[in-house]
Amino acid sequence: MKNILFTIILLNSFSMLGQVMAGQPDPIILCDVNNPGDEMEVFDMTIREAQIINGQNNVSISYHPTSGDALGNGAVITNPESFVNEVNPQQIFIRLQSTTSSDFDITILELRVPVEPEVQQQPDDIEVEDDNNDGFATFNLTENESQAVGTQDPFLLVFNYYITLQDAESKTNPIINPEFFVNTIPNQQTIFARIEPIEEECEFLVYDFEIRTQEVLDISESVFSRSVFVYPNPSSEILFIKTKSILQIDKLVVYDTSGKLVEELASTSQLDVSNYANGVYFLKVISKAKTTTLSFIKK
């Protein structure tokens, strides 16, 4: 009795080991380069056979247009090395058949042709009120995406935002939180948006728009901003800061045109710019009550 039971267990073990199990292949993604816009390309489906076979021996593969054909070993796709998709995306049903038994398994291969994006309408610039009039504010860079998308399916597209055109084209240094972006250049800045398919492997487009701060002036701020002067402008050595108002300057902060911090000083009436590179700079003049931003030129 024990010998019979052992034989049954052993046979079951070999049966389990002999079962065919098809691996799940990665989708095949081809860019829409042949007759762009028709969403049809020529696929070599055999490039996924290693994933489907998954190291098994004594198996064969056949490609079928429907699940019923795969299950019943019916209609077969005879040109899997050069198959043109009929819809986008398209599912192909693959039958992995044992060559030594009747065992088989079915898996699915998805073929995709990402839709080439387009900017259907140039998005509006974005303006935000600058509550403390320092030239900086928090922007939601995504609020004009719908204008660019137009009638396209937004779920098939991905947006990323960048400070420079070079970064947008090379897809480096994206803005991490575009819904809460604080401008890096005072008052007005150009933002570059990259739009591409969700597969992120095919065509992309880059467009730009402006973000601007809107100055909010009350009486005291208006007086303060008109009462701060810098001279000589342009300057090659010493830039003098003068105020006619009763407000005391507490801090000076200097930025270059890229928004990079150049220097930060405590209360002073002059600024040594002799070591600055030639160009335009922004000077933020900060008091306990108000802040204003001026520009000057180092020559």
Protein backbone atom coordinates (compact mmCIF):
# COMPACT_ATOMS: atom_id res chain seq x y z
CA MET A 1 0.00 0.00 0.00
CA LYS A 2 2.84 2.36 0.88
CA ASN A 3 4.56 1.58 -2.42
CA ILE A 4 1.37 2.35 -4.37
CA LEU A 5 0.89 5.65 -2.54
CA PHE A 6 4.51 6.61 -3.20
CA THR A 7 4.08 5.82 -6.90
CA ILE A 8 0.94 8.00 -7.14
CA ILE A 9 2.69 10.96 -5.45
CA LEU A 10 5.70 10.54 -7.73
CA LEU A 11 3.55 10.47 -10.87
CA ASN A 12 1.66 13.55 -9.72
CA SER A 13 4.96 15.34 -9.12
CA PHE A 14 6.17 14.59 -12.64
CA SER A 15 2.79 15.70 -13.99
CA MET A 16 3.07 19.04 -12.21
CA LEU A 17 6.64 19.50 -13.42
CA GLY A 18 5.54 18.75 -16.96
CA GLN A 19 2.83 21.41 -17.10
CA VAL A 20 3.34 24.22 -19.64
CA MET A 21 3.24 27.73 -18.15
CA ALA A 22 3.50 30.69 -20.55
CA GLY A 23 5.38 33.72 -19.32
CA GLN A 24 3.79 37.18 -19.47
CA PRO A 25 5.59 39.18 -22.20
CA ASP A 26 6.25 42.91 -22.05
CA PRO A 27 4.22 45.03 -24.48
CA ILE A 28 5.85 45.91 -27.79
CA ILE A 29 5.80 49.66 -28.38
CA LEU A 30 6.56 51.16 -31.79
CA CYS A 31 6.51 54.87 -32.59
CA ASP A 32 4.11 56.05 -35.28
CA VAL A 33 6.75 56.77 -37.93
CA ASN A 34 5.30 55.02 -41.01
CA ASN A 35 2.54 57.28 -42.29
CA PRO A 36 2.28 59.21 -38.97
CA GLY A 37 -1.23 59.53 -37.66
CA ASP A 38 -2.56 56.16 -38.81
CA GLU A 39 -1.43 54.46 -35.56
CA MET A 40 -0.30 51.37 -37.50
CA GLU A 41 3.18 49.85 -37.56
CA VAL A 42 4.91 46.59 -38.52
CA PHE A 43 5.59 44.44 -35.45
CA ASP A 44 7.99 41.54 -35.00
CA MET A 45 6.16 39.68 -32.26
CA THR A 46 8.80 36.95 -32.07
CA ILE A 47 11.14 39.26 -30.09
CA ARG A 48 9.14 38.35 -26.95
CA GLU A 49 9.34 34.57 -27.41
CA ALA A 50 12.10 34.19 -24.81
CA GLN A 51 9.82 35.78 -22.20
CA ILE A 52 6.91 33.59 -23.25
CA ILE A 53 8.87 30.31 -23.24
CA ASN A 54 10.58 31.32 -19.99
CA GLY A 55 13.28 28.64 -20.18
CA GLN A 56 10.96 25.70 -20.88
CA ASN A 57 11.87 22.94 -23.31
CA ASN A 58 9.84 20.98 -25.86
CA VAL A 59 7.32 23.76 -26.52
CA SER A 60 6.07 25.60 -29.59
CA ILE A 61 4.43 29.01 -30.00
CA SER A 62 1.51 30.08 -32.16
CA TYR A 63 -0.07 33.52 -32.49
CA HIS A 64 -3.85 34.00 -32.65
CA PRO A 65 -6.17 36.98 -33.22
CA THR A 66 -8.74 35.94 -30.57
CA SER A 67 -8.80 34.08 -27.27
CA GLY A 68 -11.14 31.49 -28.79
CA ASP A 69 -8.68 30.78 -31.58
CA ALA A 70 -5.85 30.39 -29.06
CA LEU A 71 -7.87 28.03 -26.84
CA GLY A 72 -9.15 25.94 -29.74
CA ASN A 73 -5.92 26.16 -31.74
CA GLY A 74 -7.92 27.79 -34.53
CA ALA A 75 -7.02 30.73 -36.81
CA VAL A 76 -3.29 31.45 -36.69
CA ILE A 77 -1.35 34.63 -37.51
CA THR A 78 1.08 33.37 -40.15
CA ASN A 79 3.39 36.40 -40.24
CA PRO A 80 4.33 37.11 -36.60
CA GLU A 81 7.69 38.62 -37.72
CA SER A 82 5.96 41.33 -39.80
CA PHE A 83 2.47 41.78 -38.38
CA VAL A 84 0.64 45.09 -38.95
CA ASN A 85 -1.69 45.94 -36.09
CA GLU A 86 -5.35 46.34 -36.97
CA VAL A 87 -6.39 48.44 -33.95
CA ASN A 88 -4.42 50.45 -31.40
CA PRO A 89 -3.66 49.05 -28.94
CA GLN A 90 -4.15 45.43 -30.03
CA GLN A 91 -4.03 42.23 -27.98
CA ILE A 92 -2.55 39.12 -29.54
CA PHE A 93 -3.33 35.75 -27.92
CA ILE A 94 -0.39 33.37 -27.78
CA ARG A 95 -0.62 29.61 -27.31
CA LEU A 96 2.38 27.87 -25.77
CA GLN A 97 2.01 24.19 -26.66
CA SER A 98 3.98 21.23 -25.34
CA THR A 99 5.48 19.15 -28.16
CA THR A 100 5.47 15.98 -26.02
CA SER A 101 1.96 16.14 -24.55
CA SER A 102 -1.39 17.88 -24.90
CA ASP A 103 -0.49 20.52 -22.28
CA PHE A 104 -0.73 24.15 -23.33
CA ASP A 105 -1.11 27.61 -21.84
CA ILE A 106 -2.38 30.96 -23.13
CA THR A 107 -0.88 34.39 -22.63
CA ILE A 108 -1.48 37.86 -24.12
CA LEU A 109 0.92 40.17 -25.96
CA GLU A 110 -0.11 43.82 -26.29
CA LEU A 111 0.96 45.89 -29.31
CA ARG A 112 0.97 49.67 -28.91
CA VAL A 113 1.56 52.64 -31.20
CA PRO A 114 1.69 55.77 -29.04
CA VAL A 115 -0.31 58.68 -30.41
CA GLU A 116 1.95 61.56 -31.43
CA PRO A 117 1.01 64.56 -29.24
CA GLU A 118 0.25 68.04 -30.50
CA VAL A 119 -0.30 71.43 -28.93
CA GLN A 120 -3.77 72.25 -30.19
CA GLN A 121 -3.81 75.74 -28.66
CA GLN A 122 -0.99 77.90 -27.32
CA PRO A 123 -1.68 78.05 -23.57
CA ASP A 124 -2.26 81.39 -21.89
CA ASP A 125 0.42 82.94 -19.71
CA ILE A 126 -0.15 82.58 -15.97
CA GLU A 127 -0.33 85.60 -13.66
CA VAL A 128 -0.40 85.50 -9.86
CA GLU A 129 -0.75 88.36 -7.39
CA ASP A 130 2.46 89.12 -5.52
CA ASP A 131 1.23 89.81 -1.99
CA ASN A 132 4.50 91.23 -0.65
CA ASN A 133 5.71 92.68 -3.95
CA ASP A 134 9.08 90.95 -3.85
CA GLY A 135 8.75 89.63 -7.41
CA PHE A 136 8.06 86.05 -6.31
CA ALA A 137 4.86 84.01 -5.98
CA THR A 138 3.59 80.41 -6.08
CA PHE A 139 2.31 79.24 -9.47
CA ASN A 140 0.32 76.20 -10.61
CA LEU A 141 2.04 75.49 -13.91
CA THR A 142 -0.51 72.80 -14.82
CA GLU A 143 -3.54 75.08 -14.92
CA ASN A 144 -3.32 75.71 -18.67
CA GLU A 145 -2.69 72.09 -19.72
CA SER A 146 -6.24 71.67 -21.02
CA GLN A 147 -5.61 74.36 -23.63
CA ALA A 148 -2.60 72.47 -25.01
CA VAL A 149 -4.40 69.10 -24.92
CA GLY A 150 -7.56 70.26 -26.69
CA THR A 151 -9.50 67.25 -27.99
CA GLN A 152 -6.72 64.73 -27.29
CA ASP A 153 -7.17 62.14 -24.56
CA PRO A 154 -5.35 63.63 -21.55
CA PHE A 155 -4.88 60.17 -20.03
CA LEU A 156 -2.60 59.24 -22.94
CA LEU A 157 -0.28 62.21 -22.43
CA VAL A 158 2.33 63.23 -19.85
CA PHE A 159 3.41 66.79 -19.04
CA ASN A 160 6.69 67.85 -17.45
CA TYR A 161 7.93 71.38 -16.81
CA TYR A 162 11.41 72.88 -17.00
CA ILE A 163 13.23 76.16 -16.40
CA THR A 164 15.36 75.93 -19.57
CA LEU A 165 14.74 74.78 -23.13
CA GLN A 166 17.83 72.59 -22.99
CA ASP A 167 16.50 70.72 -19.96
CA ALA A 168 13.11 70.25 -21.61
CA GLU A 169 14.62 68.82 -24.79
CA SER A 170 17.01 66.51 -22.91
CA LYS A 171 14.42 65.63 -20.26
CA THR A 172 16.68 66.58 -17.35
CA ASN A 173 16.05 68.58 -14.15
CA PRO A 174 12.23 68.67 -14.31
CA ILE A 175 10.34 70.92 -11.90
CA ILE A 176 9.41 68.50 -9.12
CA ASN A 177 6.18 70.16 -7.90
CA PRO A 178 4.72 72.08 -10.85
CA GLU A 179 1.47 72.74 -8.96
CA PHE A 180 3.41 74.70 -6.32
CA PHE A 181 6.27 76.34 -8.22
CA VAL A 182 7.91 79.49 -6.89
CA ASN A 183 9.49 81.43 -9.75
CA THR A 184 13.28 81.59 -9.70
CA ILE A 185 13.49 84.83 -11.66
CA PRO A 186 11.66 87.85 -10.18
CA ASN A 187 8.51 89.27 -11.79
CA GLN A 188 8.48 87.33 -15.09
CA GLN A 189 9.90 83.99 -16.21
CA THR A 190 9.64 81.65 -19.19
CA ILE A 191 8.55 78.08 -18.45
CA PHE A 192 9.12 75.22 -20.92
CA ALA A 193 6.60 72.38 -21.01
CA ARG A 194 7.31 68.95 -22.53
CA ILE A 195 4.33 66.91 -23.69
CA GLU A 196 4.70 63.26 -24.72
CA PRO A 197 2.82 59.94 -24.78
CA ILE A 198 2.51 58.01 -21.52
CA GLU A 199 4.95 55.45 -22.98
CA GLU A 200 7.56 58.25 -23.06
CA GLU A 201 9.47 56.48 -25.83
CA CYS A 202 8.31 58.28 -28.95
CA GLU A 203 7.74 61.80 -30.21
CA PHE A 204 7.52 64.76 -27.85
CA LEU A 205 6.81 68.46 -28.17
CA VAL A 206 8.11 71.43 -26.21
CA TYR A 207 6.24 74.71 -25.88
CA ASP A 208 6.71 77.68 -23.61
CA PHE A 209 4.63 80.23 -21.76
CA GLU A 210 5.25 83.08 -19.36
CA ILE A 211 4.54 83.30 -15.66
CA ARG A 212 4.25 86.77 -14.14
CA THR A 213 3.71 88.29 -10.75
CA GLN A 214 1.15 91.05 -10.41
CA GLU A 215 2.27 93.82 -8.10
CA VAL A 216 -0.17 94.72 -5.34
CA LEU A 217 0.49 98.23 -4.12
CA ASP A 218 -0.95 99.93 -1.08
CA ILE A 219 -0.12 103.52 -0.18
CA SER A 220 2.88 102.75 2.01
CA GLU A 221 4.38 100.29 -0.47
CA SER A 222 3.95 102.68 -3.34
CA VAL A 223 5.84 105.31 -1.38
CA PHE A 224 8.55 102.85 -0.43
CA SER A 225 9.08 101.50 -3.95
CA ARG A 226 9.35 105.04 -5.34
CA SER A 227 11.75 106.01 -2.58
CA VAL A 228 14.43 103.37 -3.16
CA PHE A 229 17.12 104.19 -5.69
CA VAL A 230 20.34 102.56 -6.85
CA TYR A 231 23.17 104.46 -8.51
CA PRO A 232 25.24 104.61 -10.59
CA ASN A 233 23.34 102.22 -12.85
CA PRO A 234 25.14 100.66 -14.73
CA SER A 235 27.92 100.29 -12.18
CA SER A 236 31.39 98.76 -12.38
CA GLU A 237 32.49 98.92 -8.72
CA ILE A 238 30.22 100.34 -6.00
CA LEU A 239 26.43 100.42 -6.25
CA PHE A 240 24.83 102.81 -3.79
CA ILE A 241 21.37 102.18 -2.32
CA LYS A 242 19.45 105.18 -1.11
CA THR A 243 15.96 105.57 0.33
CA LYS A 244 14.02 108.75 0.90
CA SER A 245 11.43 107.02 3.05
CA ILE A 246 11.52 106.55 6.81
CA LEU A 247 11.65 102.76 6.36
CA GLN A 248 14.90 101.13 7.42
CA ILE A 249 16.56 98.68 5.02
CA ASP A 250 17.20 95.42 6.86
CA LYS A 251 18.64 93.18 4.16
CA LEU A 252 19.82 93.17 0.54
CA VAL A 253 19.60 90.06 -1.62
CA VAL A 254 21.12 89.84 -5.11
CA TYR A 255 20.04 87.35 -7.82
CA ASP A 256 21.25 86.82 -11.35
CA THR A 257 18.82 86.50 -14.28
CA SER A 258 18.59 82.72 -13.81
CA GLY A 259 17.31 83.25 -10.25
CA LYS A 260 20.55 82.05 -8.63
CA LEU A 261 21.43 83.70 -5.32
CA VAL A 262 24.57 85.81 -5.79
CA GLU A 263 24.91 87.59 -2.45
CA GLU A 264 22.98 88.37 0.71
CA LEU A 265 23.91 91.28 2.96
CA ALA A 266 22.71 92.83 6.18
CA SER A 267 21.57 96.44 6.23
CA THR A 268 23.93 98.56 4.13
CA SER A 269 23.80 101.54 1.86
CA GLN A 270 26.26 100.26 -0.73
CA LEU A 271 27.08 97.11 -2.63
CA ASP A 272 30.49 96.16 -4.02
CA VAL A 273 29.86 94.64 -7.47
CA SER A 274 33.45 94.77 -8.72
CA ASN A 275 33.73 90.96 -8.64
CA TYR A 276 30.39 90.37 -10.37
CA ALA A 277 30.34 89.14 -13.95
CA ASN A 278 29.01 91.70 -16.41
CA GLY A 279 25.27 91.51 -16.89
CA VAL A 280 21.85 92.25 -15.40
CA TYR A 281 21.07 91.54 -11.73
CA PHE A 282 18.05 91.83 -9.46
CA LEU A 283 18.39 93.50 -6.06
CA LYS A 284 15.76 92.71 -3.44
CA VAL A 285 15.57 95.47 -0.84
CA ILE A 286 13.92 94.18 2.34
CA SER A 287 12.58 96.13 5.30
CA LYS A 288 10.49 94.99 8.26
CA ALA A 289 7.37 96.37 6.61
CA LYS A 290 7.89 96.03 2.87
CA THR A 291 10.05 94.52 0.15
CA THR A 292 10.83 95.77 -3.32
CA THR A 293 12.95 94.44 -6.19
CA LEU A 294 15.08 96.62 -8.45
CA SER A 295 17.36 95.75 -11.35
CA PHE A 296 20.86 97.01 -12.06
CA ILE A 297 23.59 96.39 -14.61
CA LYS A 298 27.19 95.46 -13.88
CA LYS A 299 29.47 96.67 -16.64
